[in-house]
Amino acid sequence: MEPHAQGSDTGKTAYLVGDIEVTDPEKYGEYASGVPETVAAYGGKYLVRGVSGEVLEGLWQPNRLVVLEFESMERAKAWYDSPEYADLKKIRQNASIGNLIFADGA
């Protein structure tokens, strides 16, 4: 595990943005209850979690919106590829359909 260390990264803030359609609520519940601890261990925090947004323009109809913030892209990718998240990631992939992106902060 690469626990969070204050000031260990000097990069820009990074975000994971996801739009998730849950196909197996029971299995997804296992994922949702286990993932916050892994996010926190890598210095991440939830900014948006499971909220349906109000569409202002366009055709996008988000399902379950998730936005995570990390202190750098390095930390975000370390979490996503971590052994702590590996089994949970498989659960999410089998219990939902979605789109995820990493984005650099301004």
C-alpha atoms as a PDB file:
ATOM      1  CA  MET A   1       0.000   0.000   0.000  1.00  0.00           C
ATOM      2  CA  GLU A   2       1.123   3.524  -0.749  1.00  0.00           C
ATOM      3  CA  PRO A   3      -0.536   5.462   2.059  1.00  0.00           C
ATOM      4  CA  HIS A   4      -1.235   9.129   1.702  1.00  0.00           C
ATOM      5  CA  ALA A   5       1.645  11.366   2.661  1.00  0.00           C
ATOM      6  CA  GLN A   6       1.029  15.106   2.948  1.00  0.00           C
ATOM      7  CA  GLY A   7       3.109  17.111   0.525  1.00  0.00           C
ATOM      8  CA  SER A   8       4.545  14.055  -1.208  1.00  0.00           C
ATOM      9  CA  ASP A   9       3.396  15.140  -4.682  1.00  0.00           C
ATOM     10  CA  THR A  10       3.901  18.459  -6.408  1.00  0.00           C
ATOM     11  CA  GLY A  11       1.559  18.004  -9.392  1.00  0.00           C
ATOM     12  CA  LYS A  12      -1.762  19.618 -10.144  1.00  0.00           C
ATOM     13  CA  THR A  13      -4.919  18.413  -8.482  1.00  0.00           C
ATOM     14  CA  ALA A  14      -6.472  15.542 -10.432  1.00  0.00           C
ATOM     15  CA  TYR A  15     -10.030  14.297 -10.698  1.00  0.00           C
ATOM     16  CA  LEU A  16     -11.741  11.051 -11.553  1.00  0.00           C
ATOM     17  CA  VAL A  17     -15.135  11.678 -13.112  1.00  0.00           C
ATOM     18  CA  GLY A  18     -17.530   8.789 -13.575  1.00  0.00           C
ATOM     19  CA  ASP A  19     -21.019   8.269 -14.926  1.00  0.00           C
ATOM     20  CA  ILE A  20     -22.185   4.854 -13.715  1.00  0.00           C
ATOM     21  CA  GLU A  21     -25.293   2.809 -14.504  1.00  0.00           C
ATOM     22  CA  VAL A  22     -25.742   0.206 -11.773  1.00  0.00           C
ATOM     23  CA  THR A  23     -26.858  -3.165 -13.197  1.00  0.00           C
ATOM     24  CA  ASP A  24     -26.564  -5.261 -10.015  1.00  0.00           C
ATOM     25  CA  PRO A  25     -27.499  -3.137  -6.978  1.00  0.00           C
ATOM     26  CA  GLU A  26     -26.580  -5.802  -4.418  1.00  0.00           C
ATOM     27  CA  LYS A  27     -23.066  -6.308  -5.785  1.00  0.00           C
ATOM     28  CA  TYR A  28     -22.624  -2.579  -6.339  1.00  0.00           C
ATOM     29  CA  GLY A  29     -23.510  -2.060  -2.682  1.00  0.00           C
ATOM     30  CA  GLU A  30     -20.485  -4.192  -1.752  1.00  0.00           C
ATOM     31  CA  TYR A  31     -18.337  -1.940  -3.918  1.00  0.00           C
ATOM     32  CA  ALA A  32     -19.826   1.283  -2.559  1.00  0.00           C
ATOM     33  CA  SER A  33     -19.267   0.259   1.048  1.00  0.00           C
ATOM     34  CA  GLY A  34     -15.644  -0.785   0.514  1.00  0.00           C
ATOM     35  CA  VAL A  35     -14.216   1.829  -1.816  1.00  0.00           C
ATOM     36  CA  PRO A  36     -14.187   5.010   0.364  1.00  0.00           C
ATOM     37  CA  GLU A  37     -11.456   3.604   2.619  1.00  0.00           C
ATOM     38  CA  THR A  38      -9.218   2.912  -0.393  1.00  0.00           C
ATOM     39  CA  VAL A  39      -9.813   6.391  -1.808  1.00  0.00           C
ATOM     40  CA  ALA A  40      -8.900   8.013   1.526  1.00  0.00           C
ATOM     41  CA  ALA A  41      -5.745   5.893   1.844  1.00  0.00           C
ATOM     42  CA  TYR A  42      -4.438   7.563  -1.327  1.00  0.00           C
ATOM     43  CA  GLY A  43      -5.406  11.061  -0.245  1.00  0.00           C
ATOM     44  CA  GLY A  44      -8.565  11.175  -2.329  1.00  0.00           C
ATOM     45  CA  LYS A  45     -11.940  12.543  -1.385  1.00  0.00           C
ATOM     46  CA  TYR A  46     -15.424  12.451  -2.815  1.00  0.00           C
ATOM     47  CA  LEU A  47     -16.751  15.718  -4.226  1.00  0.00           C
ATOM     48  CA  VAL A  48     -19.849  14.154  -5.805  1.00  0.00           C
ATOM     49  CA  ARG A  49     -21.203  10.695  -5.062  1.00  0.00           C
ATOM     50  CA  GLY A  50     -24.348   9.141  -6.479  1.00  0.00           C
ATOM     51  CA  VAL A  51     -26.063  12.401  -7.258  1.00  0.00           C
ATOM     52  CA  SER A  52     -28.158  12.844 -10.370  1.00  0.00           C
ATOM     53  CA  GLY A  53     -27.415  16.219 -11.873  1.00  0.00           C
ATOM     54  CA  GLU A  54     -29.650  18.704 -13.595  1.00  0.00           C
ATOM     55  CA  VAL A  55     -28.923  18.801 -17.323  1.00  0.00           C
ATOM     56  CA  LEU A  56     -28.440  22.398 -18.428  1.00  0.00           C
ATOM     57  CA  GLU A  57     -27.422  21.808 -22.039  1.00  0.00           C
ATOM     58  CA  GLY A  58     -27.004  18.878 -24.359  1.00  0.00           C
ATOM     59  CA  LEU A  59     -28.242  15.313 -24.368  1.00  0.00           C
ATOM     60  CA  TRP A  60     -26.229  13.848 -21.495  1.00  0.00           C
ATOM     61  CA  GLN A  61     -28.428  12.007 -18.998  1.00  0.00           C
ATOM     62  CA  PRO A  62     -26.073  10.926 -16.196  1.00  0.00           C
ATOM     63  CA  ASN A  63     -27.029   7.926 -14.093  1.00  0.00           C
ATOM     64  CA  ARG A  64     -24.883   7.843 -10.956  1.00  0.00           C
ATOM     65  CA  LEU A  65     -22.382  10.676 -11.009  1.00  0.00           C
ATOM     66  CA  VAL A  66     -19.100  10.358  -9.106  1.00  0.00           C
ATOM     67  CA  VAL A  67     -16.270  12.895  -8.818  1.00  0.00           C
ATOM     68  CA  LEU A  68     -13.144  12.110  -6.804  1.00  0.00           C
ATOM     69  CA  GLU A  69     -10.365  14.601  -6.093  1.00  0.00           C
ATOM     70  CA  PHE A  70      -6.703  13.649  -5.592  1.00  0.00           C
ATOM     71  CA  GLU A  71      -3.732  15.905  -4.904  1.00  0.00           C
ATOM     72  CA  SER A  72      -2.067  14.812  -8.167  1.00  0.00           C
ATOM     73  CA  MET A  73      -2.536  12.575 -11.177  1.00  0.00           C
ATOM     74  CA  GLU A  74       0.205  10.360  -9.758  1.00  0.00           C
ATOM     75  CA  ARG A  75      -1.863   9.720  -6.606  1.00  0.00           C
ATOM     76  CA  ALA A  76      -5.072   9.196  -8.600  1.00  0.00           C
ATOM     77  CA  LYS A  77      -3.445   6.577 -10.819  1.00  0.00           C
ATOM     78  CA  ALA A  78      -1.704   4.948  -7.857  1.00  0.00           C
ATOM     79  CA  TRP A  79      -5.125   4.475  -6.234  1.00  0.00           C
ATOM     80  CA  TYR A  80      -6.781   3.181  -9.416  1.00  0.00           C
ATOM     81  CA  ASP A  81      -3.997   0.626  -9.963  1.00  0.00           C
ATOM     82  CA  SER A  82      -3.553  -0.247  -6.273  1.00  0.00           C
ATOM     83  CA  PRO A  83      -3.880  -3.737  -4.807  1.00  0.00           C
ATOM     84  CA  GLU A  84      -6.401  -2.320  -2.302  1.00  0.00           C
ATOM     85  CA  TYR A  85      -8.734  -1.274  -5.120  1.00  0.00           C
ATOM     86  CA  ALA A  86      -8.185  -4.244  -7.490  1.00  0.00           C
ATOM     87  CA  ASP A  87     -10.910  -6.559  -6.145  1.00  0.00           C
ATOM     88  CA  LEU A  88     -13.359  -3.693  -5.681  1.00  0.00           C
ATOM     89  CA  LYS A  89     -12.716  -2.533  -9.247  1.00  0.00           C
ATOM     90  CA  LYS A  90     -13.694  -5.994 -10.527  1.00  0.00           C
ATOM     91  CA  ILE A  91     -16.907  -5.860  -8.482  1.00  0.00           C
ATOM     92  CA  ARG A  92     -17.758  -2.435  -9.950  1.00  0.00           C
ATOM     93  CA  GLN A  93     -17.028  -3.592 -13.481  1.00  0.00           C
ATOM     94  CA  ASN A  94     -19.301  -6.625 -13.034  1.00  0.00           C
ATOM     95  CA  ALA A  95     -22.093  -4.702 -11.296  1.00  0.00           C
ATOM     96  CA  SER A  96     -22.297  -1.624 -13.503  1.00  0.00           C
ATOM     97  CA  ILE A  97     -21.752  -0.068 -16.903  1.00  0.00           C
ATOM     98  CA  GLY A  98     -20.058   3.270 -16.988  1.00  0.00           C
ATOM     99  CA  ASN A  99     -17.601   5.812 -18.233  1.00  0.00           C
ATOM    100  CA  LEU A 100     -14.624   7.004 -16.169  1.00  0.00           C
ATOM    101  CA  ILE A 101     -12.027   9.626 -16.979  1.00  0.00           C
ATOM    102  CA  PHE A 102      -9.070  11.215 -15.236  1.00  0.00           C
ATOM    103  CA  ALA A 103      -8.845  14.998 -15.631  1.00  0.00           C
ATOM    104  CA  ASP A 104      -6.196  17.477 -14.516  1.00  0.00           C
ATOM    105  CA  GLY A 105      -7.307  20.388 -12.371  1.00  0.00           C
ATOM    106  CA  ALA A 106      -6.863  23.947 -13.602  1.00  0.00           C
END
